[in-house]
């Protein structure tokens, strides 16, 4: 129970996003097309949150997926959508600028 609380508060084990990307993880940026065009992580796939559910077939379930957005709220929702869609290896990368710094 304590570990669950720590994970919910972001105090759990840290995810090595750089290692995930090096192993072939797909970064899914769930911001709007306009937000994405104003700046994004190189190689990230833009699937806005409001259409993500209908676009799951564009992603491979056997690859790790890292979601990102502007602040981390939409990417958390995206993670839940992916998990409910049968994806097992999904990580909330939070805000795209912060994630970019973690993987470079």
PDB file of N, CA and C in Angstrom:
ATOM      1  N   UNK A   1       0.830  -1.200   0.000  1.00  0.00           N
ATOM      2  CA  UNK A   1       0.000   0.000   0.000  1.00  0.00           C
ATOM      3  C   UNK A   1       0.866   1.251   0.000  1.00  0.00           C
ATOM      4  N   UNK A   2       1.921   1.244   0.812  1.00  0.00           N
ATOM      5  CA  UNK A   2       2.810   2.401   0.878  1.00  0.00           C
ATOM      6  C   UNK A   2       3.451   2.668  -0.480  1.00  0.00           C
ATOM      7  N   UNK A   3       3.869   1.593  -1.177  1.00  0.00           N
ATOM      8  CA  UNK A   3       4.488   1.770  -2.497  1.00  0.00           C
ATOM      9  C   UNK A   3       3.494   2.367  -3.480  1.00  0.00           C
ATOM     10  N   UNK A   4       2.235   1.943  -3.405  1.00  0.00           N
ATOM     11  CA  UNK A   4       1.210   2.497  -4.284  1.00  0.00           C
ATOM     12  C   UNK A   4       1.057   3.998  -4.054  1.00  0.00           C
ATOM     13  N   UNK A   5       1.029   4.410  -2.805  1.00  0.00           N
ATOM     14  CA  UNK A   5       0.917   5.832  -2.468  1.00  0.00           C
ATOM     15  C   UNK A   5       2.139   6.588  -2.990  1.00  0.00           C
ATOM     16  N   UNK A   6       3.321   6.014  -2.803  1.00  0.00           N
ATOM     17  CA  UNK A   6       4.539   6.656  -3.309  1.00  0.00           C
ATOM     18  C   UNK A   6       4.487   6.804  -4.826  1.00  0.00           C
ATOM     19  N   UNK A   7       4.031   5.761  -5.522  1.00  0.00           N
ATOM     20  CA  UNK A   7       3.936   5.818  -6.983  1.00  0.00           C
ATOM     21  C   UNK A   7       2.949   6.885  -7.424  1.00  0.00           C
ATOM     22  N   UNK A   8       1.813   6.972  -6.739  1.00  0.00           N
ATOM     23  CA  UNK A   8       0.806   7.976  -7.085  1.00  0.00           C
ATOM     24  C   UNK A   8       1.330   9.389  -6.880  1.00  0.00           C
ATOM     25  N   UNK A   9       2.184   9.571  -5.899  1.00  0.00           N
ATOM     26  CA  UNK A   9       2.748  10.886  -5.613  1.00  0.00           C
ATOM     27  C   UNK A   9       4.021  11.157  -6.405  1.00  0.00           C
ATOM     28  N   UNK A  10       4.405  10.216  -7.245  1.00  0.00           N
ATOM     29  CA  UNK A  10       5.622  10.388  -8.041  1.00  0.00           C
ATOM     30  C   UNK A  10       6.889  10.142  -7.246  1.00  0.00           C
ATOM     31  N   UNK A  11       6.762   9.413  -6.138  1.00  0.00           N
ATOM     32  CA  UNK A  11       7.915   9.152  -5.285  1.00  0.00           C
ATOM     33  C   UNK A  11       8.422   7.717  -5.436  1.00  0.00           C
ATOM     34  N   UNK A  12       7.843   7.006  -6.373  1.00  0.00           N
ATOM     35  CA  UNK A  12       8.243   5.616  -6.596  1.00  0.00           C
ATOM     36  C   UNK A  12       9.544   5.537  -7.366  1.00  0.00           C
ATOM     37  N   UNK A  13       9.864   4.337  -7.827  1.00  0.00           N
ATOM     38  CA  UNK A  13      11.105   4.168  -8.592  1.00  0.00           C
ATOM     39  C   UNK A  13      11.104   5.071  -9.819  1.00  0.00           C
ATOM     40  N   UNK A  14      12.244   5.643 -10.118  1.00  0.00           N
ATOM     41  CA  UNK A  14      12.348   6.549 -11.266  1.00  0.00           C
ATOM     42  C   UNK A  14      12.455   5.722 -12.551  1.00  0.00           C
ATOM     43  N   UNK A  15      11.773   6.183 -13.569  1.00  0.00           N
ATOM     44  CA  UNK A  15      11.815   5.522 -14.872  1.00  0.00           C
ATOM     45  C   UNK A  15      12.990   6.076 -15.666  1.00  0.00           C
ATOM     46  N   UNK A  16      13.768   5.190 -16.256  1.00  0.00           N
ATOM     47  CA  UNK A  16      14.892   5.600 -17.095  1.00  0.00           C
ATOM     48  C   UNK A  16      14.379   5.742 -18.531  1.00  0.00           C
ATOM     49  N   UNK A  17      13.858   6.943 -18.836  1.00  0.00           N
ATOM     50  CA  UNK A  17      13.261   7.183 -20.148  1.00  0.00           C
ATOM     51  C   UNK A  17      14.282   7.062 -21.270  1.00  0.00           C
ATOM     52  N   UNK A  18      15.512   7.468 -21.006  1.00  0.00           N
ATOM     53  CA  UNK A  18      16.559   7.381 -22.028  1.00  0.00           C
ATOM     54  C   UNK A  18      16.784   5.919 -22.424  1.00  0.00           C
ATOM     55  N   UNK A  19      16.847   5.041 -21.436  1.00  0.00           N
ATOM     56  CA  UNK A  19      17.043   3.615 -21.723  1.00  0.00           C
ATOM     57  C   UNK A  19      15.848   3.044 -22.483  1.00  0.00           C
ATOM     58  N   UNK A  20      14.645   3.470 -22.132  1.00  0.00           N
ATOM     59  CA  UNK A  20      13.456   3.005 -22.851  1.00  0.00           C
ATOM     60  C   UNK A  20      13.508   3.405 -24.318  1.00  0.00           C
ATOM     61  N   UNK A  21      13.888   4.658 -24.578  1.00  0.00           N
ATOM     62  CA  UNK A  21      13.979   5.137 -25.963  1.00  0.00           C
ATOM     63  C   UNK A  21      15.065   4.366 -26.709  1.00  0.00           C
ATOM     64  N   UNK A  22      16.184   4.124 -26.051  1.00  0.00           N
ATOM     65  CA  UNK A  22      17.274   3.370 -26.687  1.00  0.00           C
ATOM     66  C   UNK A  22      16.839   1.949 -27.024  1.00  0.00           C
ATOM     67  N   UNK A  23      15.878   1.410 -26.276  1.00  0.00           N
ATOM     68  CA  UNK A  23      15.359   0.061 -26.530  1.00  0.00           C
ATOM     69  C   UNK A  23      14.202   0.059 -27.524  1.00  0.00           C
ATOM     70  N   UNK A  24      13.874   1.233 -28.081  1.00  0.00           N
ATOM     71  CA  UNK A  24      12.859   1.283 -29.115  1.00  0.00           C
ATOM     72  C   UNK A  24      11.491   1.783 -28.696  1.00  0.00           C
ATOM     73  N   UNK A  25      11.386   2.379 -27.518  1.00  0.00           N
ATOM     74  CA  UNK A  25      10.098   2.914 -27.080  1.00  0.00           C
ATOM     75  C   UNK A  25       9.614   3.989 -28.047  1.00  0.00           C
ATOM     76  N   UNK A  26       8.313   4.037 -28.221  1.00  0.00           N
ATOM     77  CA  UNK A  26       7.676   5.049 -29.066  1.00  0.00           C
ATOM     78  C   UNK A  26       7.187   6.171 -28.152  1.00  0.00           C
ATOM     79  N   UNK A  27       7.515   7.403 -28.511  1.00  0.00           N
ATOM     80  CA  UNK A  27       7.025   8.559 -27.757  1.00  0.00           C
ATOM     81  C   UNK A  27       5.781   9.070 -28.472  1.00  0.00           C
ATOM     82  N   UNK A  28       4.670   9.115 -27.735  1.00  0.00           N
ATOM     83  CA  UNK A  28       3.409   9.602 -28.283  1.00  0.00           C
ATOM     84  C   UNK A  28       3.093  10.936 -27.619  1.00  0.00           C
ATOM     85  N   UNK A  29       3.120  11.986 -28.418  1.00  0.00           N
ATOM     86  CA  UNK A  29       2.810  13.341 -27.956  1.00  0.00           C
ATOM     87  C   UNK A  29       1.319  13.554 -28.186  1.00  0.00           C
ATOM     88  N   UNK A  30       0.567  13.737 -27.094  1.00  0.00           N
ATOM     89  CA  UNK A  30      -0.894  13.797 -27.204  1.00  0.00           C
ATOM     90  C   UNK A  30      -1.439  15.224 -27.221  1.00  0.00           C
ATOM     91  N   UNK A  31      -0.559  16.190 -27.457  1.00  0.00           N
ATOM     92  CA  UNK A  31      -1.022  17.583 -27.588  1.00  0.00           C
ATOM     93  C   UNK A  31      -1.705  17.779 -28.941  1.00  0.00           C
ATOM     94  N   UNK A  32      -2.349  18.927 -29.105  1.00  0.00           N
ATOM     95  CA  UNK A  32      -2.991  19.241 -30.383  1.00  0.00           C
ATOM     96  C   UNK A  32      -1.931  19.366 -31.478  1.00  0.00           C
ATOM     97  N   UNK A  33      -2.395  19.284 -32.720  1.00  0.00           N
ATOM     98  CA  UNK A  33      -1.484  19.404 -33.859  1.00  0.00           C
ATOM     99  C   UNK A  33      -0.718  20.730 -33.814  1.00  0.00           C
ATOM    100  N   UNK A  34      -1.406  21.814 -33.476  1.00  0.00           N
ATOM    101  CA  UNK A  34      -0.768  23.124 -33.399  1.00  0.00           C
ATOM    102  C   UNK A  34       0.297  23.191 -32.317  1.00  0.00           C
ATOM    103  N   UNK A  35      -0.016  22.622 -31.148  1.00  0.00           N
ATOM    104  CA  UNK A  35       0.973  22.593 -30.060  1.00  0.00           C
ATOM    105  C   UNK A  35       2.201  21.796 -30.488  1.00  0.00           C
ATOM    106  N   UNK A  36       1.960  20.653 -31.115  1.00  0.00           N
ATOM    107  CA  UNK A  36       3.040  19.784 -31.568  1.00  0.00           C
ATOM    108  C   UNK A  36       3.924  20.510 -32.578  1.00  0.00           C
ATOM    109  N   UNK A  37       3.289  21.224 -33.506  1.00  0.00           N
ATOM    110  CA  UNK A  37       4.049  21.922 -34.550  1.00  0.00           C
ATOM    111  C   UNK A  37       4.883  23.069 -33.975  1.00  0.00           C
ATOM    112  N   UNK A  38       4.494  23.584 -32.818  1.00  0.00           N
ATOM    113  CA  UNK A  38       5.263  24.685 -32.221  1.00  0.00           C
ATOM    114  C   UNK A  38       6.523  24.188 -31.508  1.00  0.00           C
ATOM    115  N   UNK A  39       6.684  22.883 -31.397  1.00  0.00           N
ATOM    116  CA  UNK A  39       7.866  22.292 -30.786  1.00  0.00           C
ATOM    117  C   UNK A  39       7.541  20.909 -30.266  1.00  0.00           C
ATOM    118  N   UNK A  40       8.461  19.962 -30.482  1.00  0.00           N
ATOM    119  CA  UNK A  40       8.233  18.586 -30.028  1.00  0.00           C
ATOM    120  C   UNK A  40       9.551  17.825 -29.974  1.00  0.00           C
ATOM    121  N   UNK A  41       9.494  16.641 -29.402  1.00  0.00           N
ATOM    122  CA  UNK A  41      10.659  15.760 -29.343  1.00  0.00           C
ATOM    123  C   UNK A  41      10.839  15.118 -30.707  1.00  0.00           C
ATOM    124  N   UNK A  42      12.057  15.174 -31.226  1.00  0.00           N
ATOM    125  CA  UNK A  42      12.347  14.571 -32.523  1.00  0.00           C
ATOM    126  C   UNK A  42      11.979  13.090 -32.492  1.00  0.00           C
ATOM    127  N   UNK A  43      11.224  12.656 -33.484  1.00  0.00           N
ATOM    128  CA  UNK A  43      10.832  11.259 -33.594  1.00  0.00           C
ATOM    129  C   UNK A  43       9.527  10.923 -32.888  1.00  0.00           C
ATOM    130  N   UNK A  44       8.976  11.869 -32.115  1.00  0.00           N
ATOM    131  CA  UNK A  44       7.713  11.618 -31.426  1.00  0.00           C
ATOM    132  C   UNK A  44       6.569  11.561 -32.430  1.00  0.00           C
ATOM    133  N   UNK A  45       5.589  10.727 -32.130  1.00  0.00           N
ATOM    134  CA  UNK A  45       4.386  10.597 -32.945  1.00  0.00           C
ATOM    135  C   UNK A  45       3.308  11.473 -32.321  1.00  0.00           C
ATOM    136  N   UNK A  46       2.669  12.304 -33.126  1.00  0.00           N
ATOM    137  CA  UNK A  46       1.611  13.183 -32.612  1.00  0.00           C
ATOM    138  C   UNK A  46       0.248  12.539 -32.841  1.00  0.00           C
ATOM    139  N   UNK A  47      -0.379  12.136 -31.735  1.00  0.00           N
ATOM    140  CA  UNK A  47      -1.760  11.640 -31.771  1.00  0.00           C
ATOM    141  C   UNK A  47      -2.495  12.392 -30.666  1.00  0.00           C
ATOM    142  N   UNK A  48      -3.235  13.449 -31.019  1.00  0.00           N
ATOM    143  CA  UNK A  48      -3.938  14.232 -29.996  1.00  0.00           C
ATOM    144  C   UNK A  48      -4.826  13.362 -29.115  1.00  0.00           C
ATOM    145  N   UNK A  49      -4.887  13.709 -27.839  1.00  0.00           N
ATOM    146  CA  UNK A  49      -5.621  12.921 -26.858  1.00  0.00           C
ATOM    147  C   UNK A  49      -7.067  12.669 -27.293  1.00  0.00           C
ATOM    148  N   UNK A  50      -7.717  13.665 -27.877  1.00  0.00           N
ATOM    149  CA  UNK A  50      -9.133  13.509 -28.209  1.00  0.00           C
ATOM    150  C   UNK A  50      -9.401  12.489 -29.317  1.00  0.00           C
ATOM    151  N   UNK A  51      -8.370  12.068 -30.044  1.00  0.00           N
ATOM    152  CA  UNK A  51      -8.569  11.028 -31.068  1.00  0.00           C
ATOM    153  C   UNK A  51      -7.743   9.770 -30.787  1.00  0.00           C
ATOM    154  N   UNK A  52      -7.049   9.733 -29.671  1.00  0.00           N
ATOM    155  CA  UNK A  52      -6.147   8.613 -29.367  1.00  0.00           C
ATOM    156  C   UNK A  52      -6.860   7.268 -29.416  1.00  0.00           C
ATOM    157  N   UNK A  53      -8.028   7.181 -28.793  1.00  0.00           N
ATOM    158  CA  UNK A  53      -8.759   5.911 -28.738  1.00  0.00           C
ATOM    159  C   UNK A  53      -8.993   5.329 -30.137  1.00  0.00           C
ATOM    160  N   UNK A  54      -9.254   6.189 -31.104  1.00  0.00           N
ATOM    161  CA  UNK A  54      -9.539   5.706 -32.464  1.00  0.00           C
ATOM    162  C   UNK A  54      -8.268   5.458 -33.274  1.00  0.00           C
ATOM    163  N   UNK A  55      -7.112   5.781 -32.704  1.00  0.00           N
ATOM    164  CA  UNK A  55      -5.845   5.647 -33.442  1.00  0.00           C
ATOM    165  C   UNK A  55      -4.920   4.575 -32.843  1.00  0.00           C
ATOM    166  N   UNK A  56      -5.407   3.774 -31.916  1.00  0.00           N
ATOM    167  CA  UNK A  56      -4.555   2.787 -31.245  1.00  0.00           C
ATOM    168  C   UNK A  56      -3.905   1.813 -32.216  1.00  0.00           C
ATOM    169  N   UNK A  57      -4.559   1.553 -33.337  1.00  0.00           N
ATOM    170  CA  UNK A  57      -3.999   0.599 -34.313  1.00  0.00           C
ATOM    171  C   UNK A  57      -2.716   1.120 -34.955  1.00  0.00           C
ATOM    172  N   UNK A  58      -2.427   2.413 -34.820  1.00  0.00           N
ATOM    173  CA  UNK A  58      -1.191   2.977 -35.376  1.00  0.00           C
ATOM    174  C   UNK A  58       0.027   2.633 -34.514  1.00  0.00           C
ATOM    175  N   UNK A  59      -0.221   2.107 -33.313  1.00  0.00           N
ATOM    176  CA  UNK A  59       0.862   1.790 -32.379  1.00  0.00           C
ATOM    177  C   UNK A  59       0.979   0.285 -32.211  1.00  0.00           C
ATOM    178  N   UNK A  60       2.194  -0.177 -31.922  1.00  0.00           N
ATOM    179  CA  UNK A  60       2.444  -1.599 -31.722  1.00  0.00           C
ATOM    180  C   UNK A  60       2.398  -1.925 -30.236  1.00  0.00           C
ATOM    181  N   UNK A  61       1.560  -2.869 -29.871  1.00  0.00           N
ATOM    182  CA  UNK A  61       1.380  -3.228 -28.457  1.00  0.00           C
ATOM    183  C   UNK A  61       2.623  -3.870 -27.855  1.00  0.00           C
ATOM    184  N   UNK A  62       3.488  -4.431 -28.693  1.00  0.00           N
ATOM    185  CA  UNK A  62       4.675  -5.103 -28.158  1.00  0.00           C
ATOM    186  C   UNK A  62       5.832  -4.137 -27.869  1.00  0.00           C
ATOM    187  N   UNK A  63       5.682  -2.876 -28.258  1.00  0.00           N
ATOM    188  CA  UNK A  63       6.734  -1.881 -27.990  1.00  0.00           C
ATOM    189  C   UNK A  63       6.356  -1.025 -26.793  1.00  0.00           C
ATOM    190  N   UNK A  64       7.350  -0.615 -25.993  1.00  0.00           N
ATOM    191  CA  UNK A  64       7.045   0.322 -24.906  1.00  0.00           C
ATOM    192  C   UNK A  64       6.565   1.650 -25.488  1.00  0.00           C
ATOM    193  N   UNK A  65       5.637   2.306 -24.790  1.00  0.00           N
ATOM    194  CA  UNK A  65       5.102   3.587 -25.221  1.00  0.00           C
ATOM    195  C   UNK A  65       5.288   4.593 -24.089  1.00  0.00           C
ATOM    196  N   UNK A  66       5.804   5.757 -24.442  1.00  0.00           N
ATOM    197  CA  UNK A  66       5.943   6.867 -23.491  1.00  0.00           C
ATOM    198  C   UNK A  66       5.014   7.970 -23.964  1.00  0.00           C
ATOM    199  N   UNK A  67       4.104   8.395 -23.105  1.00  0.00           N
ATOM    200  CA  UNK A  67       3.202   9.481 -23.466  1.00  0.00           C
ATOM    201  C   UNK A  67       3.756  10.800 -22.948  1.00  0.00           C
ATOM    202  N   UNK A  68       3.488  11.883 -23.667  1.00  0.00           N
ATOM    203  CA  UNK A  68       3.875  13.214 -23.205  1.00  0.00           C
ATOM    204  C   UNK A  68       2.885  14.239 -23.715  1.00  0.00           C
ATOM    205  N   UNK A  69       2.862  15.389 -23.069  1.00  0.00           N
ATOM    206  CA  UNK A  69       1.977  16.488 -23.464  1.00  0.00           C
ATOM    207  C   UNK A  69       2.657  17.786 -23.044  1.00  0.00           C
ATOM    208  N   UNK A  70       1.899  18.773 -22.587  1.00  0.00           N
ATOM    209  CA  UNK A  70       2.496  20.033 -22.148  1.00  0.00           C
ATOM    210  C   UNK A  70       2.925  19.963 -20.680  1.00  0.00           C
ATOM    211  N   UNK A  71       2.058  19.409 -19.833  1.00  0.00           N
ATOM    212  CA  UNK A  71       2.351  19.420 -18.388  1.00  0.00           C
ATOM    213  C   UNK A  71       2.361  18.050 -17.742  1.00  0.00           C
ATOM    214  N   UNK A  72       1.699  17.081 -18.340  1.00  0.00           N
ATOM    215  CA  UNK A  72       1.622  15.744 -17.763  1.00  0.00           C
ATOM    216  C   UNK A  72       0.202  15.284 -17.489  1.00  0.00           C
ATOM    217  N   UNK A  73      -0.764  16.189 -17.567  1.00  0.00           N
ATOM    218  CA  UNK A  73      -2.154  15.811 -17.306  1.00  0.00           C
ATOM    219  C   UNK A  73      -2.736  14.971 -18.453  1.00  0.00           C
ATOM    220  N   UNK A  74      -2.619  15.453 -19.657  1.00  0.00           N
ATOM    221  CA  UNK A  74      -3.159  14.706 -20.805  1.00  0.00           C
ATOM    222  C   UNK A  74      -2.384  13.412 -21.026  1.00  0.00           C
ATOM    223  N   UNK A  75      -1.087  13.440 -20.762  1.00  0.00           N
ATOM    224  CA  UNK A  75      -0.299  12.217 -20.959  1.00  0.00           C
ATOM    225  C   UNK A  75      -0.693  11.144 -19.949  1.00  0.00           C
ATOM    226  N   UNK A  76      -1.120  11.546 -18.751  1.00  0.00           N
ATOM    227  CA  UNK A  76      -1.612  10.580 -17.762  1.00  0.00           C
ATOM    228  C   UNK A  76      -2.908   9.943 -18.266  1.00  0.00           C
ATOM    229  N   UNK A  77      -3.788  10.755 -18.837  1.00  0.00           N
ATOM    230  CA  UNK A  77      -5.031  10.229 -19.417  1.00  0.00           C
ATOM    231  C   UNK A  77      -4.716   9.298 -20.581  1.00  0.00           C
ATOM    232  N   UNK A  78      -3.751   9.688 -21.402  1.00  0.00           N
ATOM    233  CA  UNK A  78      -3.358   8.875 -22.553  1.00  0.00           C
ATOM    234  C   UNK A  78      -2.819   7.519 -22.094  1.00  0.00           C
ATOM    235  N   UNK A  79      -2.039   7.519 -21.035  1.00  0.00           N
ATOM    236  CA  UNK A  79      -1.514   6.254 -20.499  1.00  0.00           C
ATOM    237  C   UNK A  79      -2.664   5.330 -20.130  1.00  0.00           C
ATOM    238  N   UNK A  80      -3.673   5.864 -19.473  1.00  0.00           N
ATOM    239  CA  UNK A  80      -4.830   5.046 -19.086  1.00  0.00           C
ATOM    240  C   UNK A  80      -5.589   4.523 -20.306  1.00  0.00           C
ATOM    241  N   UNK A  81      -5.731   5.345 -21.331  1.00  0.00           N
ATOM    242  CA  UNK A  81      -6.402   4.919 -22.561  1.00  0.00           C
ATOM    243  C   UNK A  81      -5.626   3.767 -23.202  1.00  0.00           C
ATOM    244  N   UNK A  82      -4.305   3.901 -23.256  1.00  0.00           N
ATOM    245  CA  UNK A  82      -3.477   2.849 -23.867  1.00  0.00           C
ATOM    246  C   UNK A  82      -3.576   1.548 -23.071  1.00  0.00           C
ATOM    247  N   UNK A  83      -3.510   1.643 -21.759  1.00  0.00           N
ATOM    248  CA  UNK A  83      -3.606   0.441 -20.923  1.00  0.00           C
ATOM    249  C   UNK A  83      -4.971  -0.226 -21.115  1.00  0.00           C
ATOM    250  N   UNK A  84      -6.027   0.580 -21.147  1.00  0.00           N
ATOM    251  CA  UNK A  84      -7.365  -0.002 -21.353  1.00  0.00           C
ATOM    252  C   UNK A  84      -7.499  -0.573 -22.762  1.00  0.00           C
ATOM    253  N   UNK A  85      -6.652  -0.134 -23.682  1.00  0.00           N
ATOM    254  CA  UNK A  85      -6.644  -0.659 -25.047  1.00  0.00           C
ATOM    255  C   UNK A  85      -5.753  -1.872 -25.225  1.00  0.00           C
ATOM    256  N   UNK A  86      -5.204  -2.383 -24.135  1.00  0.00           N
ATOM    257  CA  UNK A  86      -4.414  -3.612 -24.208  1.00  0.00           C
ATOM    258  C   UNK A  86      -2.909  -3.434 -24.230  1.00  0.00           C
ATOM    259  N   UNK A  87      -2.438  -2.200 -24.125  1.00  0.00           N
ATOM    260  CA  UNK A  87      -0.994  -1.960 -24.080  1.00  0.00           C
ATOM    261  C   UNK A  87      -0.503  -2.249 -22.662  1.00  0.00           C
ATOM    262  N   UNK A  88       0.629  -2.917 -22.552  1.00  0.00           N
ATOM    263  CA  UNK A  88       1.137  -3.329 -21.242  1.00  0.00           C
ATOM    264  C   UNK A  88       2.286  -2.460 -20.740  1.00  0.00           C
ATOM    265  N   UNK A  89       3.135  -2.010 -21.645  1.00  0.00           N
ATOM    266  CA  UNK A  89       4.378  -1.327 -21.289  1.00  0.00           C
ATOM    267  C   UNK A  89       4.240   0.165 -21.612  1.00  0.00           C
ATOM    268  N   UNK A  90       3.530   0.907 -20.734  1.00  0.00           N
ATOM    269  CA  UNK A  90       3.199   2.309 -21.002  1.00  0.00           C
ATOM    270  C   UNK A  90       3.696   3.180 -19.856  1.00  0.00           C
ATOM    271  N   UNK A  91       4.302   4.312 -20.198  1.00  0.00           N
ATOM    272  CA  UNK A  91       4.879   5.226 -19.210  1.00  0.00           C
ATOM    273  C   UNK A  91       4.396   6.646 -19.469  1.00  0.00           C
ATOM    274  N   UNK A  92       4.094   7.354 -18.406  1.00  0.00           N
ATOM    275  CA  UNK A  92       3.736   8.767 -18.519  1.00  0.00           C
ATOM    276  C   UNK A  92       5.026   9.563 -18.432  1.00  0.00           C
ATOM    277  N   UNK A  93       5.426  10.143 -19.564  1.00  0.00           N
ATOM    278  CA  UNK A  93       6.649  10.938 -19.602  1.00  0.00           C
ATOM    279  C   UNK A  93       6.453  12.374 -19.136  1.00  0.00           C
ATOM    280  N   UNK A  94       5.188  12.771 -18.899  1.00  0.00           N
ATOM    281  CA  UNK A  94       4.905  14.123 -18.421  1.00  0.00           C
ATOM    282  C   UNK A  94       5.026  15.162 -19.522  1.00  0.00           C
ATOM    283  N   UNK A  95       5.489  16.338 -19.148  1.00  0.00           N
ATOM    284  CA  UNK A  95       5.658  17.430 -20.102  1.00  0.00           C
ATOM    285  C   UNK A  95       6.750  17.118 -21.113  1.00  0.00           C
ATOM    286  N   UNK A  96       6.535  17.482 -22.355  1.00  0.00           N
ATOM    287  CA  UNK A  96       7.472  17.105 -23.418  1.00  0.00           C
ATOM    288  C   UNK A  96       8.844  17.740 -23.252  1.00  0.00           C
ATOM    289  N   UNK A  97       8.907  18.960 -22.755  1.00  0.00           N
ATOM    290  CA  UNK A  97      10.225  19.609 -22.609  1.00  0.00           C
ATOM    291  C   UNK A  97      11.051  18.914 -21.525  1.00  0.00           C
ATOM    292  N   UNK A  98      10.404  18.561 -20.434  1.00  0.00           N
ATOM    293  CA  UNK A  98      11.085  17.843 -19.359  1.00  0.00           C
ATOM    294  C   UNK A  98      11.534  16.466 -19.850  1.00  0.00           C
ATOM    295  N   UNK A  99      10.665  15.779 -20.590  1.00  0.00           N
ATOM    296  CA  UNK A  99      11.008  14.462 -21.132  1.00  0.00           C
ATOM    297  C   UNK A  99      12.176  14.574 -22.099  1.00  0.00           C
ATOM    298  N   UNK A 100      12.158  15.587 -22.933  1.00  0.00           N
ATOM    299  CA  UNK A 100      13.253  15.793 -23.893  1.00  0.00           C
ATOM    300  C   UNK A 100      14.590  15.904 -23.163  1.00  0.00           C
ATOM    301  N   UNK A 101      14.604  16.618 -22.047  1.00  0.00           N
ATOM    302  CA  UNK A 101      15.835  16.768 -21.264  1.00  0.00           C
ATOM    303  C   UNK A 101      16.274  15.452 -20.650  1.00  0.00           C
ATOM    304  N   UNK A 102      15.330  14.574 -20.322  1.00  0.00           N
ATOM    305  CA  UNK A 102      15.664  13.282 -19.703  1.00  0.00           C
ATOM    306  C   UNK A 102      16.226  12.285 -20.702  1.00  0.00           C
ATOM    307  N   UNK A 103      15.864  12.436 -21.975  1.00  0.00           N
ATOM    308  CA  UNK A 103      16.313  11.445 -22.958  1.00  0.00           C
ATOM    309  C   UNK A 103      17.515  11.902 -23.758  1.00  0.00           C
ATOM    310  N   UNK A 104      17.867  13.164 -23.657  1.00  0.00           N
ATOM    311  CA  UNK A 104      19.033  13.668 -24.415  1.00  0.00           C
ATOM    312  C   UNK A 104      20.266  13.722 -23.545  1.00  0.00           C
TER     313      UNK A 104
END
